[in-house]
Amino acid sequence: MNNAQYVVKGGENMKQILPDKVYNILKWVLTVVVAPTIALIAGLGQLYDFDTYKIIQTISLIATFLGAIFGISVYQYNKGDN
């Protein structure tokens, strides 16, 4: 079952893929949690002398991808406000 809602904005039907609560949680994770998590992993890696390069790069790439998708989504949603 698809729980996507259709939003009418600016005379266009736009499909809202994520519920607002899920969107807000993911946005918070991307803007608040990711950077300190990367710093923590890097710091622990230096402290305990283990290589964190692949872990940090993986988290960074996923966050960058999701950030770009969210940015496109917000742009498309707000495009009807003009």
N, C-alpha and C. Protein backbone atom coordinates (compact mmCIF):
# COMPACT_ATOMS: atom_id res chain seq x y z
N MET A 1 0.84 -1.18 0.00
CA MET A 1 0.00 0.00 0.00
C MET A 1 0.88 1.24 0.00
N ASN A 2 0.59 2.16 -0.83
CA ASN A 2 1.37 3.39 -0.95
C ASN A 2 0.70 4.47 -0.12
N ASN A 3 1.46 5.05 0.84
CA ASN A 3 0.92 6.07 1.72
C ASN A 3 1.24 7.48 1.25
N ALA A 4 1.70 7.65 0.03
CA ALA A 4 2.05 8.98 -0.49
C ALA A 4 0.78 9.81 -0.61
N GLN A 5 0.94 11.08 -0.31
CA GLN A 5 -0.17 12.01 -0.40
C GLN A 5 0.02 12.88 -1.63
N TYR A 6 -1.10 13.32 -2.19
CA TYR A 6 -1.03 14.25 -3.30
C TYR A 6 -1.32 15.64 -2.79
N VAL A 7 -0.46 16.56 -3.10
CA VAL A 7 -0.60 17.94 -2.64
C VAL A 7 -0.87 18.81 -3.86
N VAL A 8 -1.90 19.64 -3.78
CA VAL A 8 -2.19 20.58 -4.85
C VAL A 8 -1.56 21.91 -4.46
N LYS A 9 -0.62 22.36 -5.27
CA LYS A 9 0.10 23.59 -4.96
C LYS A 9 0.37 24.31 -6.27
N GLY A 10 0.00 25.54 -6.34
CA GLY A 10 0.25 26.31 -7.55
C GLY A 10 -0.48 25.76 -8.75
N GLY A 11 -1.61 25.11 -8.54
CA GLY A 11 -2.39 24.60 -9.65
C GLY A 11 -1.86 23.28 -10.21
N GLU A 12 -0.82 22.73 -9.59
CA GLU A 12 -0.25 21.47 -10.06
C GLU A 12 -0.45 20.40 -9.01
N ASN A 13 -0.65 19.17 -9.45
CA ASN A 13 -0.66 18.05 -8.53
C ASN A 13 0.77 17.59 -8.32
N MET A 14 1.19 17.60 -7.08
CA MET A 14 2.56 17.19 -6.76
C MET A 14 2.47 16.02 -5.79
N LYS A 15 3.26 15.02 -6.00
CA LYS A 15 3.24 13.86 -5.14
C LYS A 15 4.22 14.07 -3.99
N GLN A 16 3.71 14.02 -2.78
CA GLN A 16 4.54 14.13 -1.59
C GLN A 16 4.94 12.71 -1.22
N ILE A 17 6.20 12.38 -1.41
CA ILE A 17 6.64 11.01 -1.24
C ILE A 17 6.81 10.65 0.23
N LEU A 18 7.36 11.55 1.01
CA LEU A 18 7.57 11.28 2.43
C LEU A 18 6.57 12.05 3.28
N PRO A 19 6.03 11.40 4.29
CA PRO A 19 5.20 12.15 5.25
C PRO A 19 6.06 13.22 5.93
N ASP A 20 5.44 14.30 6.37
CA ASP A 20 6.19 15.40 6.98
C ASP A 20 7.07 14.96 8.14
N LYS A 21 6.57 14.07 8.98
CA LYS A 21 7.33 13.63 10.15
C LYS A 21 8.61 12.91 9.73
N VAL A 22 8.53 12.04 8.75
CA VAL A 22 9.70 11.31 8.26
C VAL A 22 10.69 12.29 7.62
N TYR A 23 10.18 13.20 6.82
CA TYR A 23 11.02 14.21 6.16
C TYR A 23 11.78 15.03 7.21
N ASN A 24 11.06 15.49 8.25
CA ASN A 24 11.69 16.30 9.28
C ASN A 24 12.75 15.54 10.06
N ILE A 25 12.51 14.27 10.34
CA ILE A 25 13.50 13.46 11.05
C ILE A 25 14.75 13.27 10.19
N LEU A 26 14.57 12.92 8.93
CA LEU A 26 15.71 12.73 8.04
C LEU A 26 16.49 14.03 7.84
N LYS A 27 15.76 15.13 7.73
CA LYS A 27 16.42 16.43 7.59
C LYS A 27 17.25 16.75 8.84
N TRP A 28 16.70 16.48 10.01
CA TRP A 28 17.42 16.71 11.26
C TRP A 28 18.68 15.84 11.32
N VAL A 29 18.55 14.59 10.96
CA VAL A 29 19.71 13.69 10.96
C VAL A 29 20.79 14.23 10.03
N LEU A 30 20.40 14.67 8.84
CA LEU A 30 21.39 15.17 7.89
C LEU A 30 22.03 16.48 8.33
N THR A 31 21.28 17.35 8.98
CA THR A 31 21.81 18.67 9.32
C THR A 31 22.45 18.73 10.70
N VAL A 32 22.05 17.84 11.62
CA VAL A 32 22.54 17.94 12.99
C VAL A 32 23.41 16.75 13.40
N VAL A 33 23.08 15.56 12.97
CA VAL A 33 23.72 14.36 13.50
C VAL A 33 24.95 13.93 12.70
N VAL A 34 24.92 14.08 11.40
CA VAL A 34 25.97 13.51 10.55
C VAL A 34 27.36 14.10 10.85
N ALA A 35 27.48 15.42 10.89
CA ALA A 35 28.80 16.03 11.09
C ALA A 35 29.44 15.64 12.43
N PRO A 36 28.72 15.71 13.56
CA PRO A 36 29.35 15.27 14.81
C PRO A 36 29.67 13.78 14.84
N THR A 37 28.86 12.99 14.15
CA THR A 37 29.14 11.55 14.09
C THR A 37 30.45 11.28 13.35
N ILE A 38 30.65 11.99 12.24
CA ILE A 38 31.89 11.84 11.49
C ILE A 38 33.08 12.28 12.35
N ALA A 39 32.92 13.39 13.05
CA ALA A 39 34.00 13.87 13.93
C ALA A 39 34.29 12.88 15.03
N LEU A 40 33.26 12.29 15.61
CA LEU A 40 33.44 11.29 16.67
C LEU A 40 34.19 10.07 16.15
N ILE A 41 33.79 9.57 15.01
CA ILE A 41 34.44 8.39 14.42
C ILE A 41 35.90 8.70 14.11
N ALA A 42 36.16 9.87 13.53
CA ALA A 42 37.54 10.24 13.20
C ALA A 42 38.38 10.37 14.47
N GLY A 43 37.82 10.99 15.50
CA GLY A 43 38.55 11.14 16.76
C GLY A 43 38.83 9.81 17.43
N LEU A 44 37.84 8.93 17.46
CA LEU A 44 38.04 7.60 18.06
C LEU A 44 39.06 6.80 17.26
N GLY A 45 39.05 6.96 15.95
CA GLY A 45 40.02 6.27 15.11
C GLY A 45 41.44 6.69 15.44
N GLN A 46 41.65 7.98 15.65
CA GLN A 46 42.99 8.45 16.02
C GLN A 46 43.35 8.00 17.42
N LEU A 47 42.40 8.06 18.33
CA LEU A 47 42.66 7.67 19.72
C LEU A 47 43.01 6.19 19.84
N TYR A 48 42.30 5.35 19.13
CA TYR A 48 42.51 3.90 19.23
C TYR A 48 43.31 3.34 18.07
N ASP A 49 43.82 4.21 17.24
CA ASP A 49 44.71 3.84 16.14
C ASP A 49 44.09 2.82 15.18
N PHE A 50 42.93 3.17 14.63
CA PHE A 50 42.36 2.35 13.56
C PHE A 50 41.94 3.25 12.41
N ASP A 51 41.92 2.67 11.22
CA ASP A 51 41.63 3.41 10.01
C ASP A 51 40.13 3.65 9.88
N THR A 52 39.73 4.90 9.79
CA THR A 52 38.32 5.25 9.69
C THR A 52 37.95 5.80 8.32
N TYR A 53 38.89 5.80 7.39
CA TYR A 53 38.68 6.43 6.10
C TYR A 53 37.42 5.91 5.39
N LYS A 54 37.27 4.60 5.28
CA LYS A 54 36.13 4.04 4.55
C LYS A 54 34.81 4.32 5.25
N ILE A 55 34.81 4.28 6.57
CA ILE A 55 33.58 4.55 7.32
C ILE A 55 33.15 6.00 7.11
N ILE A 56 34.10 6.92 7.27
CA ILE A 56 33.80 8.34 7.13
C ILE A 56 33.37 8.68 5.70
N GLN A 57 34.07 8.12 4.73
CA GLN A 57 33.70 8.39 3.34
C GLN A 57 32.32 7.84 3.00
N THR A 58 31.98 6.68 3.53
CA THR A 58 30.67 6.09 3.28
C THR A 58 29.56 6.98 3.86
N ILE A 59 29.73 7.39 5.11
CA ILE A 59 28.73 8.26 5.73
C ILE A 59 28.61 9.57 4.97
N SER A 60 29.74 10.14 4.59
CA SER A 60 29.74 11.42 3.87
C SER A 60 29.05 11.30 2.52
N LEU A 61 29.33 10.23 1.80
CA LEU A 61 28.71 10.05 0.48
C LEU A 61 27.20 9.85 0.59
N ILE A 62 26.77 9.08 1.55
CA ILE A 62 25.33 8.86 1.75
C ILE A 62 24.65 10.17 2.14
N ALA A 63 25.27 10.92 3.06
CA ALA A 63 24.69 12.20 3.48
C ALA A 63 24.64 13.20 2.33
N THR A 64 25.67 13.23 1.52
CA THR A 64 25.68 14.13 0.36
C THR A 64 24.59 13.76 -0.63
N PHE A 65 24.45 12.49 -0.90
CA PHE A 65 23.40 12.02 -1.81
C PHE A 65 22.02 12.39 -1.29
N LEU A 66 21.75 12.07 -0.02
CA LEU A 66 20.44 12.38 0.54
C LEU A 66 20.19 13.89 0.60
N GLY A 67 21.23 14.65 0.91
CA GLY A 67 21.10 16.11 0.92
C GLY A 67 20.73 16.65 -0.45
N ALA A 68 21.34 16.11 -1.48
CA ALA A 68 21.02 16.55 -2.85
C ALA A 68 19.59 16.18 -3.21
N ILE A 69 19.15 15.00 -2.85
CA ILE A 69 17.78 14.56 -3.12
C ILE A 69 16.79 15.45 -2.38
N PHE A 70 17.09 15.74 -1.11
CA PHE A 70 16.21 16.61 -0.34
C PHE A 70 16.17 18.00 -0.94
N GLY A 71 17.31 18.51 -1.37
CA GLY A 71 17.36 19.84 -1.98
C GLY A 71 16.52 19.90 -3.24
N ILE A 72 16.59 18.89 -4.07
CA ILE A 72 15.78 18.84 -5.29
C ILE A 72 14.30 18.75 -4.91
N SER A 73 14.00 17.95 -3.91
CA SER A 73 12.62 17.79 -3.47
C SER A 73 12.04 19.11 -2.97
N VAL A 74 12.80 19.84 -2.16
CA VAL A 74 12.34 21.12 -1.63
C VAL A 74 12.17 22.12 -2.77
N TYR A 75 13.10 22.12 -3.71
CA TYR A 75 12.99 23.03 -4.86
C TYR A 75 11.72 22.74 -5.65
N GLN A 76 11.47 21.48 -5.94
CA GLN A 76 10.27 21.11 -6.71
C GLN A 76 9.00 21.47 -5.95
N TYR A 77 9.01 21.26 -4.64
CA TYR A 77 7.82 21.55 -3.82
C TYR A 77 7.56 23.06 -3.78
N ASN A 78 8.63 23.85 -3.62
CA ASN A 78 8.49 25.30 -3.52
C ASN A 78 8.34 26.00 -4.86
N LYS A 79 8.61 25.29 -5.95
CA LYS A 79 8.53 25.88 -7.28
C LYS A 79 7.12 26.41 -7.57
N GLY A 80 6.12 25.81 -6.99
CA GLY A 80 4.74 26.24 -7.19
C GLY A 80 4.40 27.54 -6.47
N ASP A 81 5.28 28.02 -5.57
CA ASP A 81 5.01 29.25 -4.82
C ASP A 81 5.19 30.50 -5.65
N ASN A 82 5.84 30.42 -6.79
CA ASN A 82 6.14 31.62 -7.59
C ASN A 82 4.92 32.26 -8.14
